[in-house]
N, C-alpha and C. Protein backbone atom coordinates (compact mmCIF):
# COMPACT_ATOMS: atom_id res chain seq x y z
N UNK A 1 0.82 -1.19 0.00
CA UNK A 1 0.00 0.00 0.00
C UNK A 1 0.87 1.25 0.00
N UNK A 2 1.92 1.25 0.81
CA UNK A 2 2.82 2.40 0.87
C UNK A 2 3.50 2.62 -0.48
N UNK A 3 3.88 1.54 -1.14
CA UNK A 3 4.52 1.63 -2.45
C UNK A 3 3.55 2.23 -3.47
N UNK A 4 2.32 1.82 -3.42
CA UNK A 4 1.31 2.34 -4.33
C UNK A 4 1.10 3.84 -4.12
N UNK A 5 1.09 4.27 -2.88
CA UNK A 5 0.94 5.69 -2.56
C UNK A 5 2.12 6.48 -3.10
N UNK A 6 3.33 5.97 -2.97
CA UNK A 6 4.53 6.63 -3.49
C UNK A 6 4.46 6.74 -5.01
N UNK A 7 4.06 5.67 -5.67
CA UNK A 7 3.94 5.67 -7.13
C UNK A 7 2.93 6.72 -7.59
N UNK A 8 1.76 6.77 -6.94
CA UNK A 8 0.75 7.76 -7.31
C UNK A 8 1.24 9.18 -7.04
N UNK A 9 1.94 9.39 -5.95
CA UNK A 9 2.48 10.71 -5.65
C UNK A 9 3.49 11.13 -6.71
N UNK A 10 4.39 10.22 -7.09
CA UNK A 10 5.37 10.52 -8.14
C UNK A 10 4.69 10.82 -9.47
N UNK A 11 3.69 10.01 -9.82
CA UNK A 11 2.97 10.25 -11.07
C UNK A 11 2.27 11.61 -11.05
N UNK A 12 1.71 11.97 -9.91
CA UNK A 12 1.06 13.26 -9.79
C UNK A 12 2.05 14.39 -10.04
N UNK A 13 3.22 14.34 -9.42
CA UNK A 13 4.22 15.39 -9.60
C UNK A 13 4.74 15.43 -11.03
N UNK A 14 4.93 14.29 -11.63
CA UNK A 14 5.36 14.24 -13.04
C UNK A 14 4.30 14.89 -13.92
N UNK A 15 3.05 14.57 -13.66
CA UNK A 15 1.95 15.14 -14.42
C UNK A 15 1.93 16.66 -14.27
N UNK A 16 2.04 17.17 -13.06
CA UNK A 16 2.02 18.61 -12.81
C UNK A 16 3.20 19.29 -13.50
N UNK A 17 4.39 18.73 -13.39
CA UNK A 17 5.58 19.32 -14.01
C UNK A 17 5.44 19.31 -15.53
N UNK A 18 5.01 18.19 -16.09
CA UNK A 18 4.89 18.09 -17.54
C UNK A 18 3.93 19.13 -18.10
N UNK A 19 2.75 19.27 -17.50
CA UNK A 19 1.75 20.17 -18.06
C UNK A 19 2.01 21.63 -17.70
N UNK A 20 2.77 21.90 -16.66
CA UNK A 20 3.09 23.30 -16.36
C UNK A 20 4.25 23.81 -17.20
N UNK A 21 5.10 22.93 -17.70
CA UNK A 21 6.26 23.34 -18.50
C UNK A 21 6.04 23.15 -19.99
N UNK A 22 5.01 22.49 -20.35
CA UNK A 22 4.77 22.15 -21.75
C UNK A 22 4.49 23.39 -22.58
N UNK A 23 5.08 23.47 -23.78
CA UNK A 23 4.82 24.55 -24.72
C UNK A 23 3.73 24.12 -25.68
N UNK A 24 2.91 25.04 -26.07
CA UNK A 24 1.87 24.74 -27.06
C UNK A 24 2.50 24.85 -28.44
N UNK A 25 2.41 23.80 -29.26
CA UNK A 25 3.06 23.78 -30.56
C UNK A 25 2.22 24.34 -31.69
N UNK A 26 1.02 24.78 -31.43
CA UNK A 26 0.16 25.30 -32.47
C UNK A 26 0.35 26.81 -32.56
N UNK A 27 0.89 27.33 -33.71
CA UNK A 27 1.11 28.76 -33.83
C UNK A 27 -0.17 29.55 -33.58
N UNK A 28 -0.03 30.61 -32.81
CA UNK A 28 -1.16 31.50 -32.59
C UNK A 28 -2.15 31.01 -31.55
N UNK A 29 -1.93 29.83 -30.95
CA UNK A 29 -2.92 29.33 -30.01
C UNK A 29 -2.45 29.43 -28.57
N UNK A 30 -1.33 30.06 -28.32
CA UNK A 30 -0.82 30.25 -26.96
C UNK A 30 -1.75 31.22 -26.24
N UNK A 31 -2.41 30.75 -25.19
CA UNK A 31 -3.39 31.57 -24.49
C UNK A 31 -2.78 32.76 -23.77
N UNK A 32 -1.46 32.82 -23.64
CA UNK A 32 -0.84 33.93 -22.93
C UNK A 32 -0.65 35.14 -23.83
N UNK A 33 -0.92 35.02 -25.13
CA UNK A 33 -0.80 36.17 -26.02
C UNK A 33 -2.17 36.51 -26.59
N UNK A 34 -2.35 37.77 -26.87
CA UNK A 34 -3.61 38.20 -27.46
C UNK A 34 -3.58 37.94 -28.95
N UNK A 35 -4.48 37.08 -29.40
CA UNK A 35 -4.59 36.80 -30.83
C UNK A 35 -5.94 37.23 -31.36
N UNK A 36 -6.65 38.01 -30.57
CA UNK A 36 -7.99 38.41 -30.95
C UNK A 36 -7.92 39.51 -32.00
N UNK A 37 -8.48 39.20 -33.15
CA UNK A 37 -8.57 40.16 -34.24
C UNK A 37 -10.04 40.25 -34.61
N UNK A 38 -10.54 41.46 -34.72
CA UNK A 38 -11.91 41.65 -35.17
C UNK A 38 -11.89 41.57 -36.70
N UNK A 39 -12.12 40.35 -37.22
CA UNK A 39 -12.03 40.11 -38.67
C UNK A 39 -12.97 41.00 -39.46
N UNK A 40 -14.20 41.09 -39.00
CA UNK A 40 -15.18 41.88 -39.78
C UNK A 40 -14.78 43.36 -39.79
N UNK A 41 -14.26 43.87 -38.69
CA UNK A 41 -13.83 45.27 -38.66
C UNK A 41 -12.62 45.47 -39.57
N UNK A 42 -11.63 44.57 -39.52
CA UNK A 42 -10.46 44.71 -40.37
C UNK A 42 -10.86 44.68 -41.85
N UNK A 43 -11.71 43.74 -42.21
CA UNK A 43 -12.17 43.65 -43.59
C UNK A 43 -12.94 44.91 -43.98
N UNK A 44 -13.78 45.39 -43.08
CA UNK A 44 -14.56 46.61 -43.34
C UNK A 44 -13.63 47.80 -43.56
N UNK A 45 -12.60 47.94 -42.73
CA UNK A 45 -11.68 49.07 -42.86
C UNK A 45 -10.93 49.02 -44.20
N UNK A 46 -10.49 47.84 -44.59
CA UNK A 46 -9.79 47.68 -45.88
C UNK A 46 -10.74 48.03 -47.01
N UNK A 47 -11.94 47.48 -47.00
CA UNK A 47 -12.87 47.70 -48.10
C UNK A 47 -13.39 49.13 -48.16
N UNK A 48 -13.57 49.77 -47.01
CA UNK A 48 -13.99 51.17 -47.02
C UNK A 48 -12.93 52.03 -47.71
N UNK A 49 -11.67 51.74 -47.41
CA UNK A 49 -10.59 52.51 -48.02
C UNK A 49 -10.53 52.24 -49.52
N UNK A 50 -10.68 50.98 -49.91
CA UNK A 50 -10.65 50.63 -51.33
C UNK A 50 -11.80 51.31 -52.08
N UNK A 51 -12.95 51.43 -51.44
CA UNK A 51 -14.10 52.07 -52.09
C UNK A 51 -13.96 53.59 -52.17
N UNK A 52 -13.18 54.18 -51.24
CA UNK A 52 -12.97 55.63 -51.22
C UNK A 52 -11.89 56.08 -52.19
N UNK A 53 -10.85 55.24 -52.32
CA UNK A 53 -9.67 55.69 -53.05
C UNK A 53 -8.82 56.55 -52.13
N UNK A 54 -7.56 56.75 -52.48
CA UNK A 54 -6.69 57.58 -51.64
C UNK A 54 -5.34 57.80 -52.31
N UNK A 55 -4.57 58.67 -51.71
CA UNK A 55 -3.19 58.88 -52.12
C UNK A 55 -2.30 57.95 -51.32
N UNK A 56 -1.45 57.22 -52.03
CA UNK A 56 -0.41 56.41 -51.40
C UNK A 56 0.90 57.07 -51.79
N UNK A 57 1.48 57.83 -50.86
CA UNK A 57 2.61 58.67 -51.23
C UNK A 57 2.10 59.75 -52.16
N UNK A 58 2.75 59.93 -53.30
CA UNK A 58 2.34 60.98 -54.24
C UNK A 58 1.39 60.46 -55.32
N UNK A 59 1.11 59.15 -55.32
CA UNK A 59 0.26 58.57 -56.35
C UNK A 59 -1.17 58.41 -55.84
N UNK A 60 -2.12 58.78 -56.69
CA UNK A 60 -3.53 58.61 -56.35
C UNK A 60 -3.99 57.23 -56.83
N UNK A 61 -4.69 56.52 -55.95
CA UNK A 61 -5.30 55.23 -56.28
C UNK A 61 -6.80 55.41 -56.25
N UNK A 62 -7.42 55.21 -57.41
CA UNK A 62 -8.86 55.38 -57.56
C UNK A 62 -9.59 54.30 -56.78
N UNK A 63 -10.86 54.55 -56.47
CA UNK A 63 -11.66 53.49 -55.83
C UNK A 63 -11.59 52.21 -56.65
N UNK A 64 -11.62 51.10 -55.95
CA UNK A 64 -11.51 49.80 -56.61
C UNK A 64 -12.44 48.79 -55.96
N UNK A 65 -12.44 47.60 -56.46
CA UNK A 65 -13.31 46.54 -55.96
C UNK A 65 -12.94 46.15 -54.53
N UNK A 66 -13.90 45.58 -53.86
CA UNK A 66 -13.66 45.10 -52.50
C UNK A 66 -12.92 43.76 -52.54
N UNK A 67 -12.31 43.41 -51.42
CA UNK A 67 -11.69 42.10 -51.26
C UNK A 67 -12.60 41.24 -50.39
N UNK A 68 -12.42 39.94 -50.50
CA UNK A 68 -13.21 38.97 -49.76
C UNK A 68 -12.32 38.25 -48.76
N UNK A 69 -12.84 38.00 -47.57
CA UNK A 69 -12.07 37.29 -46.55
C UNK A 69 -11.75 35.89 -47.05
N UNK A 70 -10.49 35.47 -46.82
CA UNK A 70 -10.05 34.14 -47.24
C UNK A 70 -9.36 33.47 -46.06
N UNK A 71 -9.87 32.32 -45.64
CA UNK A 71 -9.33 31.62 -44.47
C UNK A 71 -7.89 31.15 -44.68
N UNK A 72 -7.51 30.82 -45.90
CA UNK A 72 -6.14 30.38 -46.15
C UNK A 72 -5.16 31.54 -45.99
N UNK A 73 -5.56 32.72 -46.44
CA UNK A 73 -4.71 33.90 -46.23
C UNK A 73 -4.65 34.25 -44.74
N UNK A 74 -5.76 34.05 -44.03
CA UNK A 74 -5.76 34.26 -42.58
C UNK A 74 -4.77 33.30 -41.92
N UNK A 75 -4.74 32.06 -42.36
CA UNK A 75 -3.80 31.08 -41.79
C UNK A 75 -2.37 31.51 -42.02
N UNK A 76 -2.04 31.95 -43.23
CA UNK A 76 -0.68 32.42 -43.51
C UNK A 76 -0.32 33.61 -42.63
N UNK A 77 -1.25 34.53 -42.46
CA UNK A 77 -1.02 35.69 -41.60
C UNK A 77 -0.82 35.27 -40.15
N UNK A 78 -1.63 34.35 -39.69
CA UNK A 78 -1.56 33.88 -38.31
C UNK A 78 -0.23 33.19 -38.01
N UNK A 79 0.20 32.35 -38.91
CA UNK A 79 1.48 31.64 -38.73
C UNK A 79 2.62 32.65 -38.62
N UNK A 80 2.62 33.65 -39.50
CA UNK A 80 3.72 34.62 -39.49
C UNK A 80 3.66 35.53 -38.26
N UNK A 81 2.48 36.00 -37.90
CA UNK A 81 2.35 36.85 -36.71
C UNK A 81 2.82 36.11 -35.46
N UNK A 82 2.39 34.86 -35.32
CA UNK A 82 2.78 34.06 -34.14
C UNK A 82 4.27 33.80 -34.12
N UNK A 83 4.86 33.53 -35.29
CA UNK A 83 6.30 33.28 -35.37
C UNK A 83 7.09 34.52 -34.97
N UNK A 84 6.69 35.69 -35.48
CA UNK A 84 7.39 36.93 -35.12
C UNK A 84 7.26 37.19 -33.62
N UNK A 85 6.05 36.99 -33.09
CA UNK A 85 5.83 37.22 -31.66
C UNK A 85 6.68 36.28 -30.80
N UNK A 86 6.59 35.00 -31.09
CA UNK A 86 7.28 34.01 -30.25
C UNK A 86 8.79 34.09 -30.35
N UNK A 87 9.30 34.54 -31.50
CA UNK A 87 10.75 34.60 -31.71
C UNK A 87 11.30 36.02 -31.68
N UNK A 88 10.46 36.99 -31.34
CA UNK A 88 10.86 38.37 -31.13
C UNK A 88 11.66 38.95 -32.30
N UNK A 89 11.05 38.94 -33.48
CA UNK A 89 11.66 39.60 -34.64
C UNK A 89 10.55 40.25 -35.45
N UNK A 90 10.95 41.07 -36.42
CA UNK A 90 10.00 41.80 -37.24
C UNK A 90 10.52 41.87 -38.66
N UNK A 91 9.96 41.06 -39.55
CA UNK A 91 10.46 41.00 -40.92
C UNK A 91 9.44 40.28 -41.81
N UNK A 92 9.48 40.61 -43.09
CA UNK A 92 8.67 39.87 -44.06
C UNK A 92 9.27 38.50 -44.33
N UNK A 93 10.54 38.32 -44.01
CA UNK A 93 11.21 37.04 -44.19
C UNK A 93 11.14 36.27 -42.88
N UNK A 94 10.61 35.05 -42.93
CA UNK A 94 10.53 34.22 -41.73
C UNK A 94 11.91 33.76 -41.29
N UNK A 95 12.05 33.33 -40.06
CA UNK A 95 13.34 32.85 -39.56
C UNK A 95 13.82 31.63 -40.33
N UNK A 96 12.90 30.91 -40.93
CA UNK A 96 13.27 29.75 -41.75
C UNK A 96 13.57 30.14 -43.19
N UNK A 97 13.60 31.44 -43.48
CA UNK A 97 13.89 31.93 -44.83
C UNK A 97 12.67 32.07 -45.72
N UNK A 98 11.48 31.78 -45.19
CA UNK A 98 10.27 31.83 -46.01
C UNK A 98 9.90 33.27 -46.37
N UNK A 99 9.38 33.41 -47.58
CA UNK A 99 8.84 34.69 -48.04
C UNK A 99 7.33 34.68 -47.81
N UNK A 100 6.68 35.84 -47.94
CA UNK A 100 5.22 35.83 -47.84
C UNK A 100 4.58 34.87 -48.85
N UNK A 101 5.09 34.83 -50.06
CA UNK A 101 4.55 33.92 -51.07
C UNK A 101 4.69 32.47 -50.67
N UNK A 102 5.82 32.13 -50.04
CA UNK A 102 6.02 30.75 -49.55
C UNK A 102 4.98 30.40 -48.50
N UNK A 103 4.75 31.31 -47.54
CA UNK A 103 3.80 31.03 -46.46
C UNK A 103 2.37 30.96 -46.96
N UNK A 104 2.05 31.81 -47.92
CA UNK A 104 0.69 31.81 -48.48
C UNK A 104 0.45 30.51 -49.23
N UNK A 105 1.42 30.08 -50.02
CA UNK A 105 1.28 28.81 -50.76
C UNK A 105 1.21 27.63 -49.79
N UNK A 106 2.03 27.66 -48.72
CA UNK A 106 2.01 26.58 -47.73
C UNK A 106 0.65 26.48 -47.03
N UNK A 107 -0.07 27.60 -46.95
CA UNK A 107 -1.40 27.60 -46.33
C UNK A 107 -2.47 27.08 -47.30
N UNK A 108 -2.06 26.77 -48.55
CA UNK A 108 -2.99 26.19 -49.51
C UNK A 108 -3.60 27.17 -50.48
N UNK A 109 -3.11 28.41 -50.50
CA UNK A 109 -3.62 29.42 -51.43
C UNK A 109 -2.68 29.50 -52.63
N UNK A 110 -3.18 29.13 -53.80
CA UNK A 110 -2.37 29.16 -55.03
C UNK A 110 -2.52 30.52 -55.68
N UNK A 111 -1.56 31.38 -55.43
CA UNK A 111 -1.65 32.78 -55.83
C UNK A 111 -1.03 33.02 -57.21
N UNK A 112 -1.54 34.06 -57.85
CA UNK A 112 -0.89 34.62 -59.04
C UNK A 112 -0.28 35.97 -58.67
N UNK A 113 -0.77 36.57 -57.59
CA UNK A 113 -0.22 37.81 -57.04
C UNK A 113 -0.50 37.83 -55.54
N UNK A 114 0.40 38.45 -54.78
CA UNK A 114 0.19 38.57 -53.34
C UNK A 114 0.85 39.84 -52.83
N UNK A 115 0.43 40.26 -51.66
CA UNK A 115 1.04 41.36 -50.94
C UNK A 115 0.91 41.11 -49.46
N UNK A 116 1.86 41.62 -48.68
CA UNK A 116 1.82 41.41 -47.23
C UNK A 116 2.12 42.73 -46.54
N UNK A 117 1.33 43.05 -45.54
CA UNK A 117 1.59 44.18 -44.64
C UNK A 117 1.85 43.62 -43.26
N UNK A 118 2.91 44.13 -42.60
CA UNK A 118 3.17 43.76 -41.21
C UNK A 118 3.30 45.04 -40.39
N UNK A 119 2.99 44.94 -39.13
CA UNK A 119 3.10 46.08 -38.22
C UNK A 119 3.32 45.53 -36.81
N UNK A 120 3.85 46.38 -35.96
CA UNK A 120 4.09 46.01 -34.56
C UNK A 120 3.83 47.21 -33.68
N UNK A 121 3.17 46.96 -32.55
CA UNK A 121 3.02 47.99 -31.54
C UNK A 121 1.69 48.71 -31.52
N UNK A 122 0.75 48.31 -32.33
CA UNK A 122 -0.55 48.98 -32.38
C UNK A 122 -1.57 48.18 -31.59
N UNK A 123 -2.54 48.90 -31.02
CA UNK A 123 -3.47 48.22 -30.12
C UNK A 123 -4.83 47.93 -30.73
N UNK A 124 -5.18 48.61 -31.83
CA UNK A 124 -6.51 48.38 -32.42
C UNK A 124 -6.41 48.25 -33.94
N UNK A 125 -7.45 47.70 -34.52
CA UNK A 125 -7.52 47.59 -35.98
C UNK A 125 -7.44 48.96 -36.63
N UNK A 126 -8.11 49.94 -36.05
CA UNK A 126 -8.11 51.29 -36.63
C UNK A 126 -6.73 51.92 -36.60
N UNK A 127 -6.02 51.80 -35.47
CA UNK A 127 -4.70 52.45 -35.39
C UNK A 127 -3.68 51.79 -36.31
N UNK A 128 -3.75 50.48 -36.46
CA UNK A 128 -2.81 49.82 -37.36
C UNK A 128 -3.15 50.15 -38.81
N UNK A 129 -4.44 50.23 -39.16
CA UNK A 129 -4.83 50.62 -40.51
C UNK A 129 -4.37 52.04 -40.82
N UNK A 130 -4.53 52.95 -39.86
CA UNK A 130 -4.08 54.33 -40.06
C UNK A 130 -2.58 54.36 -40.35
N UNK A 131 -1.82 53.56 -39.63
CA UNK A 131 -0.36 53.51 -39.84
C UNK A 131 -0.04 52.95 -41.22
N UNK A 132 -0.70 51.87 -41.61
CA UNK A 132 -0.44 51.28 -42.93
C UNK A 132 -0.77 52.27 -44.04
N UNK A 133 -1.82 53.04 -43.87
CA UNK A 133 -2.20 54.01 -44.91
C UNK A 133 -1.23 55.17 -44.99
N UNK A 134 -0.46 55.42 -43.94
CA UNK A 134 0.57 56.46 -43.97
C UNK A 134 1.87 55.98 -44.60
N UNK A 135 1.99 54.69 -44.82
CA UNK A 135 3.17 54.09 -45.45
C UNK A 135 2.85 53.79 -46.91
N UNK A 136 3.61 54.37 -47.82
CA UNK A 136 3.31 54.23 -49.24
C UNK A 136 3.19 52.77 -49.69
N UNK A 137 4.15 51.95 -49.33
CA UNK A 137 4.14 50.55 -49.78
C UNK A 137 2.96 49.77 -49.21
N UNK A 138 2.66 49.99 -47.93
CA UNK A 138 1.53 49.30 -47.31
C UNK A 138 0.21 49.78 -47.89
N UNK A 139 0.11 51.07 -48.11
CA UNK A 139 -1.09 51.66 -48.69
C UNK A 139 -1.34 51.08 -50.09
N UNK A 140 -0.27 50.93 -50.88
CA UNK A 140 -0.41 50.36 -52.23
C UNK A 140 -0.97 48.94 -52.15
N UNK A 141 -0.51 48.15 -51.19
CA UNK A 141 -1.08 46.80 -51.04
C UNK A 141 -2.58 46.88 -50.76
N UNK A 142 -2.97 47.77 -49.88
CA UNK A 142 -4.39 47.90 -49.52
C UNK A 142 -5.21 48.32 -50.75
N UNK A 143 -4.66 49.17 -51.58
CA UNK A 143 -5.41 49.73 -52.71
C UNK A 143 -5.22 48.98 -54.02
N UNK A 144 -4.35 47.99 -54.06
CA UNK A 144 -4.02 47.29 -55.30
C UNK A 144 -5.26 46.60 -55.89
N UNK A 145 -5.71 47.03 -57.09
CA UNK A 145 -6.91 46.44 -57.67
C UNK A 145 -6.72 45.00 -58.14
N UNK A 146 -5.48 44.53 -58.21
CA UNK A 146 -5.23 43.14 -58.61
C UNK A 146 -5.64 42.16 -57.51
N UNK A 147 -5.69 42.61 -56.28
CA UNK A 147 -6.01 41.72 -55.17
C UNK A 147 -7.52 41.57 -55.01
N UNK A 148 -7.94 40.31 -54.82
CA UNK A 148 -9.36 40.01 -54.65
C UNK A 148 -9.66 39.33 -53.31
N UNK A 149 -8.63 38.74 -52.70
CA UNK A 149 -8.80 37.98 -51.45
C UNK A 149 -7.95 38.61 -50.36
N UNK A 150 -8.36 38.36 -49.12
CA UNK A 150 -7.71 39.03 -47.98
C UNK A 150 -7.82 38.17 -46.73
N UNK A 151 -6.79 38.20 -45.91
CA UNK A 151 -6.82 37.59 -44.59
C UNK A 151 -5.88 38.35 -43.68
N UNK A 152 -6.13 38.31 -42.40
CA UNK A 152 -5.29 39.04 -41.44
C UNK A 152 -5.27 38.30 -40.12
N UNK A 153 -4.28 38.62 -39.31
CA UNK A 153 -4.16 38.02 -37.99
C UNK A 153 -3.28 38.90 -37.12
N UNK A 154 -3.32 38.60 -35.82
CA UNK A 154 -2.43 39.30 -34.89
C UNK A 154 -2.00 38.34 -33.80
N UNK A 155 -0.81 38.60 -33.28
CA UNK A 155 -0.27 37.86 -32.12
C UNK A 155 0.44 38.88 -31.26
N UNK A 156 -0.01 39.05 -30.04
CA UNK A 156 0.55 40.12 -29.21
C UNK A 156 0.27 41.44 -29.91
N UNK A 157 1.33 42.23 -30.13
CA UNK A 157 1.16 43.49 -30.86
C UNK A 157 1.67 43.39 -32.29
N UNK A 158 1.84 42.16 -32.79
CA UNK A 158 2.26 41.93 -34.18
C UNK A 158 1.02 41.71 -35.05
N UNK A 159 0.94 42.45 -36.14
CA UNK A 159 -0.18 42.39 -37.06
C UNK A 159 0.31 41.98 -38.44
N UNK A 160 -0.47 41.16 -39.13
CA UNK A 160 -0.14 40.75 -40.50
C UNK A 160 -1.41 40.79 -41.33
N UNK A 161 -1.31 41.41 -42.51
CA UNK A 161 -2.35 41.35 -43.52
C UNK A 161 -1.78 40.63 -44.73
N UNK A 162 -2.56 39.74 -45.32
CA UNK A 162 -2.17 39.05 -46.56
C UNK A 162 -3.23 39.35 -47.61
N UNK A 163 -2.77 39.76 -48.78
CA UNK A 163 -3.64 40.03 -49.92
C UNK A 163 -3.28 39.05 -51.02
N UNK A 164 -4.25 38.62 -51.82
CA UNK A 164 -3.93 37.70 -52.89
C UNK A 164 -4.90 37.73 -54.03
N UNK A 165 -4.42 37.18 -55.14
CA UNK A 165 -5.24 36.91 -56.32
C UNK A 165 -4.82 35.54 -56.81
N UNK A 166 -5.80 34.77 -57.26
CA UNK A 166 -5.51 33.42 -57.77
C UNK A 166 -5.22 33.46 -59.25
């Protein structure tokens, strides 16, 4: 009986240690980081801007068609946002050398054109959109009439938008 009690006590401690030290291997699913993105608001902000038209740097971009939410582009955005957050870097190139096109294709989206916007340090969809629209290259991605599909994600204060056309 004493031996059985010792075995159960050891198993209990092993169980507690294992689950308290275990890392979650699913990108973007770590409950300790904020991954909440208001998808409908982000899509609305992008499409409102596309319908209005705007200046990106010195070039005017006329109103254009809206984009449609795409879950595969969201997956690519989520993987990259989580990777940047967990590994504390900020780049369009992943630590494994992947480009945005590589990540989008790996998520199952067969693109003919793509664009990626990344940002860090913003707290809301509106503030990050305002920042992207102040950056010529990011603004061009938002306004590019070649893009028809869209997905976005966030991890911590890292934001990623993916645009695509098949």
